[in-house]
Amino acid sequence: MKVPYFDLPGNIRSIRPELDAAISRTLDSCAFCLGPEVAQFEHDFAAFVGTRHCVGFNSGTSALHVAMRLLDIGPGDEVITTPFTFVATSWAIAYVGARPVYVDIDEKTMNLDPSLLERAITPRTKAVMPVHLYGHPFDVDPILEICARRGLPMVEDAAQAHGSRYKGRSVGTFGVLSGFSFYPAKNLGACGEGGALAMDSAEHARRAGALREHGASNRYYHDEVGYNYRMEGIQGAVLRVKLAHLAAWTAARRRIAHRYHELLAQTPLVLPIEAPNAESVYHLYVVRHPRRDKLRDHLLARGVGTALHYPLPLHLQKCFAGLGYGSGDFPIAERAARDCLSLPIYPEMSDSQTEYVAAAIGEFKDW
């Protein structure tokens, strides 16, 4: 048996008639940049998250970049975040000339460790941007408490966490601004790139809408330097279709994750946890073991696809060498990068595929 790491063709096939109709509708209207499909998706996604407003973008990276602009963060400022995530979180900070300041992660959840946050705050700190990594919510309350006490806005990077919940409340509703990605491999993925900012502030929504469209509140009248960050009409149409299926897809991911928990419980792997106050959407199912590379080779030989999220922490990336960090500065993140392995998980995955992956892991002898 072969088990792909991710089955995007299978996902498309499952809703192809709906997608064809939505794309055809957009072709007929010729509303290719923003337009009614995007506007309706923004309305629907705001309702899904539980915020008053949503502004669509051409990528999650663009959304986080604009979040920094909305908070007037710029050169000389610092934003505290995690070194263990996709690079776009730090790009958003760097794009405005600010400095990413890293805090190590919690060993169990691999999210930013709230107990280390306050010591990283300086007079130059202007915001905190934790990540709901792999679809598991970060520990919101202690981070919010510190932010409130120190007068700092919190921005949620929820790019991997569409529908995750913390203490029964949807992620994306805790921060001043919350960024989402609709990259095709996300739980809610476009047929191309896409992103969004969710927020309650009408003024933030107004300014975000202008910044994504060349800084223009009215066409050809540019109030500030902006960007060509508009969501395409076809992506809005696709995302409207997919959003209607997201709850069922999330339930399938959670079922597969729980089956993995059962099947892999007796192996030497460190399995992902779900904190008591959290509900993960299992964007990724990431296990850990010091002989990760050997295990990955073993699984590949048996037809099982895997991936690494993420093999090199951001503080050790060449592009951020100028920040002055070095090996050993964030030991938990560095250990996670050496040990992590993402197993296949997607809504279309069958019970037999899940069991095959677990059986293949059970055959590994080189622990």
Protein backbone atom coordinates (compact mmCIF):
# COMPACT_ATOMS: atom_id res chain seq x y z
CA MET A 1 0.00 0.00 0.00
CA LYS A 2 1.07 3.57 -0.64
CA VAL A 3 -0.06 6.35 1.69
CA PRO A 4 0.71 9.84 0.40
CA TYR A 5 1.66 12.47 2.92
CA PHE A 6 -1.25 14.63 1.69
CA ASP A 7 -4.00 13.86 -0.81
CA LEU A 8 -4.98 17.19 -2.34
CA PRO A 9 -6.36 15.54 -5.52
CA GLY A 10 -8.67 13.44 -3.35
CA ASN A 11 -9.88 16.54 -1.54
CA ILE A 12 -10.65 18.28 -4.83
CA ARG A 13 -12.44 15.23 -6.24
CA SER A 14 -14.73 15.05 -3.22
CA ILE A 15 -16.25 18.46 -3.99
CA ARG A 16 -15.40 18.93 -7.67
CA PRO A 17 -18.95 19.73 -8.90
CA GLU A 18 -19.32 22.46 -6.28
CA LEU A 19 -15.93 23.91 -7.14
CA ASP A 20 -16.67 23.84 -10.87
CA ALA A 21 -19.93 25.73 -10.29
CA ALA A 22 -18.26 28.34 -8.08
CA ILE A 23 -15.40 28.92 -10.50
CA SER A 24 -17.82 29.09 -13.43
CA ARG A 25 -19.85 31.69 -11.53
CA THR A 26 -16.73 33.81 -11.13
CA LEU A 27 -15.76 33.41 -14.78
CA ASP A 28 -19.23 34.57 -15.79
CA SER A 29 -19.04 37.65 -13.56
CA CYS A 30 -15.40 38.46 -14.50
CA ALA A 31 -14.89 39.65 -10.90
CA PHE A 32 -11.34 38.37 -10.69
CA CYS A 33 -9.80 40.78 -8.14
CA LEU A 34 -11.85 41.01 -4.95
CA GLY A 35 -15.53 41.21 -5.96
CA PRO A 36 -18.72 39.67 -4.55
CA GLU A 37 -17.33 36.17 -3.97
CA VAL A 38 -14.51 37.56 -1.82
CA ALA A 39 -16.89 39.89 0.03
CA GLN A 40 -19.25 37.01 0.83
CA PHE A 41 -16.39 34.80 1.95
CA GLU A 42 -15.12 37.57 4.25
CA HIS A 43 -18.58 37.77 5.80
CA ASP A 44 -18.86 33.99 6.16
CA PHE A 45 -15.36 33.53 7.56
CA ALA A 46 -15.83 36.32 10.12
CA ALA A 47 -18.97 34.51 11.29
CA PHE A 48 -17.06 31.21 11.41
CA VAL A 49 -14.24 32.68 13.50
CA GLY A 50 -16.52 34.82 15.65
CA THR A 51 -15.18 38.29 14.85
CA ARG A 52 -16.98 41.35 13.53
CA HIS A 53 -14.76 41.75 10.48
CA CYS A 54 -12.57 39.77 8.09
CA VAL A 55 -10.38 41.15 5.30
CA GLY A 56 -9.13 38.78 2.61
CA PHE A 57 -5.59 38.85 1.20
CA ASN A 58 -3.55 37.11 -1.47
CA SER A 59 -1.64 35.13 1.19
CA GLY A 60 -1.32 34.58 4.91
CA THR A 61 2.10 36.24 4.75
CA SER A 62 0.54 39.40 3.35
CA ALA A 63 -2.12 39.33 6.05
CA LEU A 64 0.47 39.22 8.84
CA HIS A 65 2.53 41.93 7.15
CA VAL A 66 -0.49 44.22 7.09
CA ALA A 67 -1.18 43.36 10.75
CA MET A 68 2.20 44.88 11.59
CA ARG A 69 1.32 47.98 9.57
CA LEU A 70 -2.03 48.33 11.33
CA LEU A 71 -0.19 48.43 14.66
CA ASP A 72 2.25 51.03 13.27
CA ILE A 73 5.24 48.80 14.00
CA GLY A 74 8.41 49.85 12.24
CA PRO A 75 12.19 50.22 12.36
CA GLY A 76 13.66 49.99 15.86
CA ASP A 77 10.64 48.12 17.23
CA GLU A 78 10.60 44.53 18.50
CA VAL A 79 7.91 41.87 18.23
CA ILE A 80 8.15 38.74 20.37
CA THR A 81 7.36 35.46 18.65
CA THR A 82 8.43 31.82 18.39
CA PRO A 83 11.51 30.46 16.60
CA PHE A 84 9.71 27.20 15.78
CA THR A 85 7.21 27.82 13.00
CA PHE A 86 7.05 28.67 9.32
CA VAL A 87 9.19 31.65 8.38
CA ALA A 88 6.25 33.86 7.33
CA THR A 89 5.60 34.81 10.95
CA SER A 90 9.01 36.45 11.17
CA TRP A 91 8.84 37.80 7.61
CA ALA A 92 5.90 39.96 8.63
CA ILE A 93 8.00 41.52 11.39
CA ALA A 94 11.08 41.94 9.20
CA TYR A 95 9.09 43.47 6.32
CA VAL A 96 8.28 46.53 8.42
CA GLY A 97 11.88 46.89 9.60
CA ALA A 98 11.24 45.56 13.11
CA ARG A 99 13.20 42.86 14.92
CA PRO A 100 11.81 39.39 15.69
CA VAL A 101 12.62 38.52 19.30
CA TYR A 102 12.33 34.82 19.99
CA VAL A 103 11.13 32.93 23.05
CA ASP A 104 11.64 29.18 23.38
CA ILE A 105 8.76 26.76 23.13
CA ASP A 106 6.91 24.51 25.54
CA GLU A 107 8.22 20.93 25.38
CA LYS A 108 4.76 19.35 25.19
CA THR A 109 2.77 21.61 22.86
CA MET A 110 5.72 23.12 20.92
CA ASN A 111 3.99 26.50 21.17
CA LEU A 112 5.58 29.60 22.66
CA ASP A 113 6.24 29.07 26.38
CA PRO A 114 4.33 31.75 28.35
CA SER A 115 6.64 31.36 31.36
CA LEU A 116 9.53 32.75 29.28
CA LEU A 117 7.66 35.63 27.69
CA GLU A 118 8.01 38.45 30.20
CA ARG A 119 11.78 38.30 30.44
CA ALA A 120 11.97 38.95 26.66
CA ILE A 121 10.05 42.24 26.89
CA THR A 122 12.11 45.43 26.52
CA PRO A 123 11.21 49.11 26.09
CA ARG A 124 11.31 48.45 22.33
CA THR A 125 8.70 45.67 22.42
CA LYS A 126 5.60 46.73 20.51
CA ALA A 127 3.62 43.47 20.16
CA VAL A 128 3.56 39.73 20.86
CA MET A 129 2.75 37.29 18.02
CA PRO A 130 2.45 33.65 19.16
CA VAL A 131 1.52 30.84 16.74
CA HIS A 132 -1.16 28.17 17.11
CA LEU A 133 1.31 25.60 15.81
CA TYR A 134 0.10 22.50 13.94
CA GLY A 135 -3.50 23.50 14.72
CA HIS A 136 -3.10 23.28 18.51
CA PRO A 137 -3.96 26.52 20.35
CA PHE A 138 -1.18 28.20 22.30
CA ASP A 139 -1.88 28.85 25.99
CA VAL A 140 -3.80 32.08 25.52
CA ASP A 141 -4.66 33.23 29.05
CA PRO A 142 -1.17 33.72 30.53
CA ILE A 143 0.06 35.43 27.37
CA LEU A 144 -2.96 37.74 27.28
CA GLU A 145 -2.48 38.56 30.97
CA ILE A 146 1.11 39.61 30.39
CA CYS A 147 0.18 41.59 27.29
CA ALA A 148 -2.60 43.42 29.13
CA ARG A 149 -0.39 44.19 32.10
CA ARG A 150 2.44 45.46 29.91
CA GLY A 151 0.19 47.35 27.46
CA LEU A 152 1.11 45.21 24.43
CA PRO A 153 -1.21 44.08 21.63
CA MET A 154 -1.33 40.35 20.90
CA VAL A 155 -1.54 39.20 17.29
CA GLU A 156 -2.60 35.59 16.74
CA ASP A 157 -0.87 33.69 13.97
CA ALA A 158 -3.68 31.23 13.32
CA ALA A 159 -2.43 30.22 9.85
CA GLN A 160 -2.64 26.52 10.79
CA ALA A 161 -5.59 26.62 13.15
CA HIS A 162 -8.89 27.27 11.34
CA GLY A 163 -11.55 26.17 13.84
CA SER A 164 -9.27 25.37 16.80
CA ARG A 165 -10.71 26.27 20.19
CA TYR A 166 -9.26 27.39 23.51
CA LYS A 167 -11.51 26.95 26.54
CA GLY A 168 -14.44 26.54 24.17
CA ARG A 169 -13.75 29.75 22.27
CA SER A 170 -12.52 29.93 18.69
CA VAL A 171 -8.93 30.94 18.10
CA GLY A 172 -8.76 34.18 16.18
CA THR A 173 -11.00 35.95 18.70
CA PHE A 174 -8.37 36.61 21.36
CA GLY A 175 -5.90 38.91 19.61
CA VAL A 176 -6.32 42.47 18.44
CA LEU A 177 -5.69 40.96 15.00
CA SER A 178 -5.55 37.35 13.86
CA GLY A 179 -3.94 36.08 10.68
CA PHE A 180 -5.04 33.03 8.68
CA SER A 181 -3.55 31.27 5.67
CA PHE A 182 -5.45 29.49 2.91
CA TYR A 183 -2.45 27.89 1.24
CA PRO A 184 -3.74 24.78 -0.61
CA ALA A 185 -2.41 22.33 2.00
CA LYS A 186 -4.14 24.09 4.91
CA ASN A 187 -7.27 22.63 6.51
CA LEU A 188 -9.14 25.36 4.65
CA GLY A 189 -7.13 25.78 1.48
CA ALA A 190 -7.67 27.78 -1.69
CA CYS A 191 -6.89 26.64 -5.24
CA GLY A 192 -3.81 28.83 -5.04
CA GLU A 193 -2.72 31.33 -2.42
CA GLY A 194 -4.94 33.20 0.03
CA GLY A 195 -5.05 34.67 3.52
CA ALA A 196 -7.13 36.80 5.85
CA LEU A 197 -7.08 39.02 8.89
CA ALA A 198 -9.89 38.69 11.42
CA MET A 199 -10.63 41.51 13.84
CA ASP A 200 -13.34 43.34 15.76
CA SER A 201 -12.13 46.87 15.03
CA ALA A 202 -13.96 48.58 12.16
CA GLU A 203 -11.05 51.00 11.79
CA HIS A 204 -8.55 48.17 11.47
CA ALA A 205 -10.80 46.55 8.86
CA ARG A 206 -11.10 49.79 6.90
CA ARG A 207 -7.37 50.43 6.90
CA ALA A 208 -6.53 46.79 6.10
CA GLY A 209 -8.85 46.96 3.10
CA ALA A 210 -7.06 50.06 1.89
CA LEU A 211 -3.54 48.73 2.47
CA ARG A 212 -4.24 45.58 0.46
CA GLU A 213 -5.36 47.75 -2.47
CA HIS A 214 -2.41 50.09 -2.96
CA GLY A 215 -3.26 52.18 0.11
CA ALA A 216 -6.38 53.57 -1.58
CA SER A 217 -9.63 54.16 0.30
CA ASN A 218 -11.02 55.50 -2.98
CA ARG A 219 -9.69 54.37 -6.32
CA TYR A 220 -6.69 56.39 -7.50
CA TYR A 221 -6.52 58.33 -4.19
CA HIS A 222 -3.71 56.83 -2.11
CA ASP A 223 -3.63 57.81 1.56
CA GLU A 224 -0.49 55.82 2.47
CA VAL A 225 1.99 53.42 0.93
CA GLY A 226 0.10 50.20 0.27
CA TYR A 227 0.41 46.89 -1.52
CA ASN A 228 -1.16 44.77 -4.23
CA TYR A 229 -2.39 42.17 -1.72
CA ARG A 230 -5.93 41.60 -3.04
CA MET A 231 -7.57 38.19 -2.83
CA GLU A 232 -8.60 36.84 -6.23
CA GLY A 233 -12.30 36.37 -6.91
CA ILE A 234 -11.85 32.72 -7.83
CA GLN A 235 -10.14 32.04 -4.49
CA GLY A 236 -13.02 33.67 -2.65
CA ALA A 237 -15.46 31.44 -4.53
CA VAL A 238 -13.42 28.30 -3.81
CA LEU A 239 -13.07 29.15 -0.14
CA ARG A 240 -16.81 29.72 0.20
CA VAL A 241 -17.39 26.17 -1.04
CA LYS A 242 -14.72 24.66 1.17
CA LEU A 243 -15.77 26.54 4.30
CA ALA A 244 -19.10 24.70 4.22
CA HIS A 245 -17.21 21.39 4.51
CA LEU A 246 -14.64 22.46 7.09
CA ALA A 247 -16.49 21.20 10.18
CA ALA A 248 -16.82 17.70 8.70
CA TRP A 249 -13.20 17.69 7.57
CA THR A 250 -12.06 18.77 11.04
CA ALA A 251 -14.05 15.97 12.64
CA ALA A 252 -12.36 13.50 10.28
CA ARG A 253 -8.90 14.84 11.17
CA ARG A 254 -9.63 14.54 14.88
CA ARG A 255 -10.89 10.96 14.41
CA ILE A 256 -7.71 9.99 12.53
CA ALA A 257 -5.52 11.66 15.15
CA HIS A 258 -7.24 9.79 17.96
CA ARG A 259 -6.80 6.54 16.05
CA TYR A 260 -3.09 7.29 15.72
CA HIS A 261 -2.99 7.92 19.48
CA GLU A 262 -4.40 4.44 20.09
CA LEU A 263 -2.26 2.61 17.55
CA LEU A 264 1.04 4.32 18.45
CA ALA A 265 0.64 4.49 22.22
CA GLN A 266 3.08 1.63 22.87
CA THR A 267 5.81 2.85 20.54
CA PRO A 268 8.84 4.91 21.65
CA LEU A 269 7.50 7.94 19.76
CA VAL A 270 6.54 11.15 21.55
CA LEU A 271 3.00 11.74 20.36
CA PRO A 272 1.27 15.12 20.05
CA ILE A 273 -0.78 16.10 23.06
CA GLU A 274 -4.06 17.95 23.31
CA ALA A 275 -4.00 20.22 26.34
CA PRO A 276 -7.06 20.02 28.64
CA ASN A 277 -8.12 23.56 27.70
CA ALA A 278 -7.56 23.10 23.97
CA GLU A 279 -9.24 21.55 20.96
CA SER A 280 -6.82 20.96 18.11
CA VAL A 281 -7.81 20.75 14.45
CA TYR A 282 -4.73 18.59 13.74
CA HIS A 283 -3.52 20.49 10.73
CA LEU A 284 -0.45 18.31 11.23
CA TYR A 285 0.14 15.15 13.24
CA VAL A 286 3.74 15.52 14.40
CA VAL A 287 5.55 12.77 16.31
CA ARG A 288 9.05 13.01 17.74
CA HIS A 289 12.02 10.68 18.10
CA PRO A 290 15.81 11.20 18.10
CA ARG A 291 16.16 8.74 15.20
CA ARG A 292 13.65 10.64 13.13
CA ASP A 293 15.62 10.44 9.87
CA LYS A 294 16.04 6.67 10.10
CA LEU A 295 12.33 6.28 10.76
CA ARG A 296 11.51 8.54 7.84
CA ASP A 297 13.64 6.44 5.50
CA HIS A 298 11.96 3.28 6.82
CA LEU A 299 8.50 4.69 6.14
CA LEU A 300 9.45 5.90 2.67
CA ALA A 301 10.63 2.38 1.79
CA ARG A 302 7.16 1.13 2.77
CA GLY A 303 5.32 3.71 0.68
CA VAL A 304 4.41 6.13 3.47
CA GLY A 305 4.91 9.83 2.79
CA THR A 306 6.10 12.11 5.59
CA ALA A 307 7.28 15.71 5.99
CA LEU A 308 9.37 17.83 8.37
CA HIS A 309 7.78 20.81 10.13
CA TYR A 310 10.29 22.35 10.77
CA PRO A 311 13.88 21.05 10.34
CA LEU A 312 15.72 24.29 11.20
CA PRO A 313 14.47 26.84 13.76
CA LEU A 314 14.20 30.43 12.58
CA HIS A 315 16.95 31.76 14.84
CA LEU A 316 19.42 29.48 13.02
CA GLN A 317 18.29 30.37 9.50
CA LYS A 318 20.89 32.15 7.37
CA CYS A 319 18.45 34.96 6.57
CA PHE A 320 18.24 35.88 10.27
CA ALA A 321 21.95 35.58 11.08
CA GLY A 322 22.00 39.33 11.68
CA LEU A 323 19.77 38.93 14.72
CA GLY A 324 22.77 37.54 16.59
CA TYR A 325 21.27 34.28 17.84
CA GLY A 326 23.27 31.07 17.89
CA SER A 327 23.02 27.36 18.45
CA GLY A 328 21.90 26.57 21.99
CA ASP A 329 19.92 29.79 22.51
CA PHE A 330 16.56 27.99 22.28
CA PRO A 331 17.33 24.36 23.12
CA ILE A 332 13.77 23.03 23.16
CA ALA A 333 13.03 24.44 19.70
CA GLU A 334 16.32 23.06 18.42
CA ARG A 335 15.59 19.61 19.82
CA ALA A 336 12.09 19.65 18.33
CA ALA A 337 13.56 20.52 14.93
CA ARG A 338 15.89 17.52 15.12
CA ASP A 339 13.19 15.09 16.31
CA CYS A 340 9.94 16.09 14.57
CA LEU A 341 8.24 14.02 11.86
CA SER A 342 4.84 14.76 10.34
CA LEU A 343 2.74 11.70 9.54
CA PRO A 344 -0.03 11.62 6.91
CA ILE A 345 -3.33 13.11 8.08
CA TYR A 346 -6.11 14.41 5.85
CA PRO A 347 -9.91 14.03 5.83
CA GLU A 348 -9.95 11.53 2.95
CA MET A 349 -7.54 9.16 4.73
CA SER A 350 -9.10 5.72 5.26
CA ASP A 351 -8.95 3.57 8.37
CA SER A 352 -6.85 1.04 6.48
CA GLN A 353 -4.34 3.74 5.52
CA THR A 354 -4.08 4.93 9.12
CA GLU A 355 -3.56 1.39 10.31
CA TYR A 356 -0.97 0.75 7.60
CA VAL A 357 1.07 3.78 8.70
CA ALA A 358 0.94 2.62 12.31
CA ALA A 359 1.89 -0.95 11.35
CA ALA A 360 4.83 0.33 9.31
CA ILE A 361 6.04 2.29 12.32
CA GLY A 362 5.64 -0.82 14.45
CA GLU A 363 7.98 -2.69 12.08
CA PHE A 364 10.79 -0.18 12.67
CA LYS A 365 13.56 -1.92 14.61
CA ASP A 366 16.23 0.79 14.80
CA TRP A 367 14.87 2.73 17.76
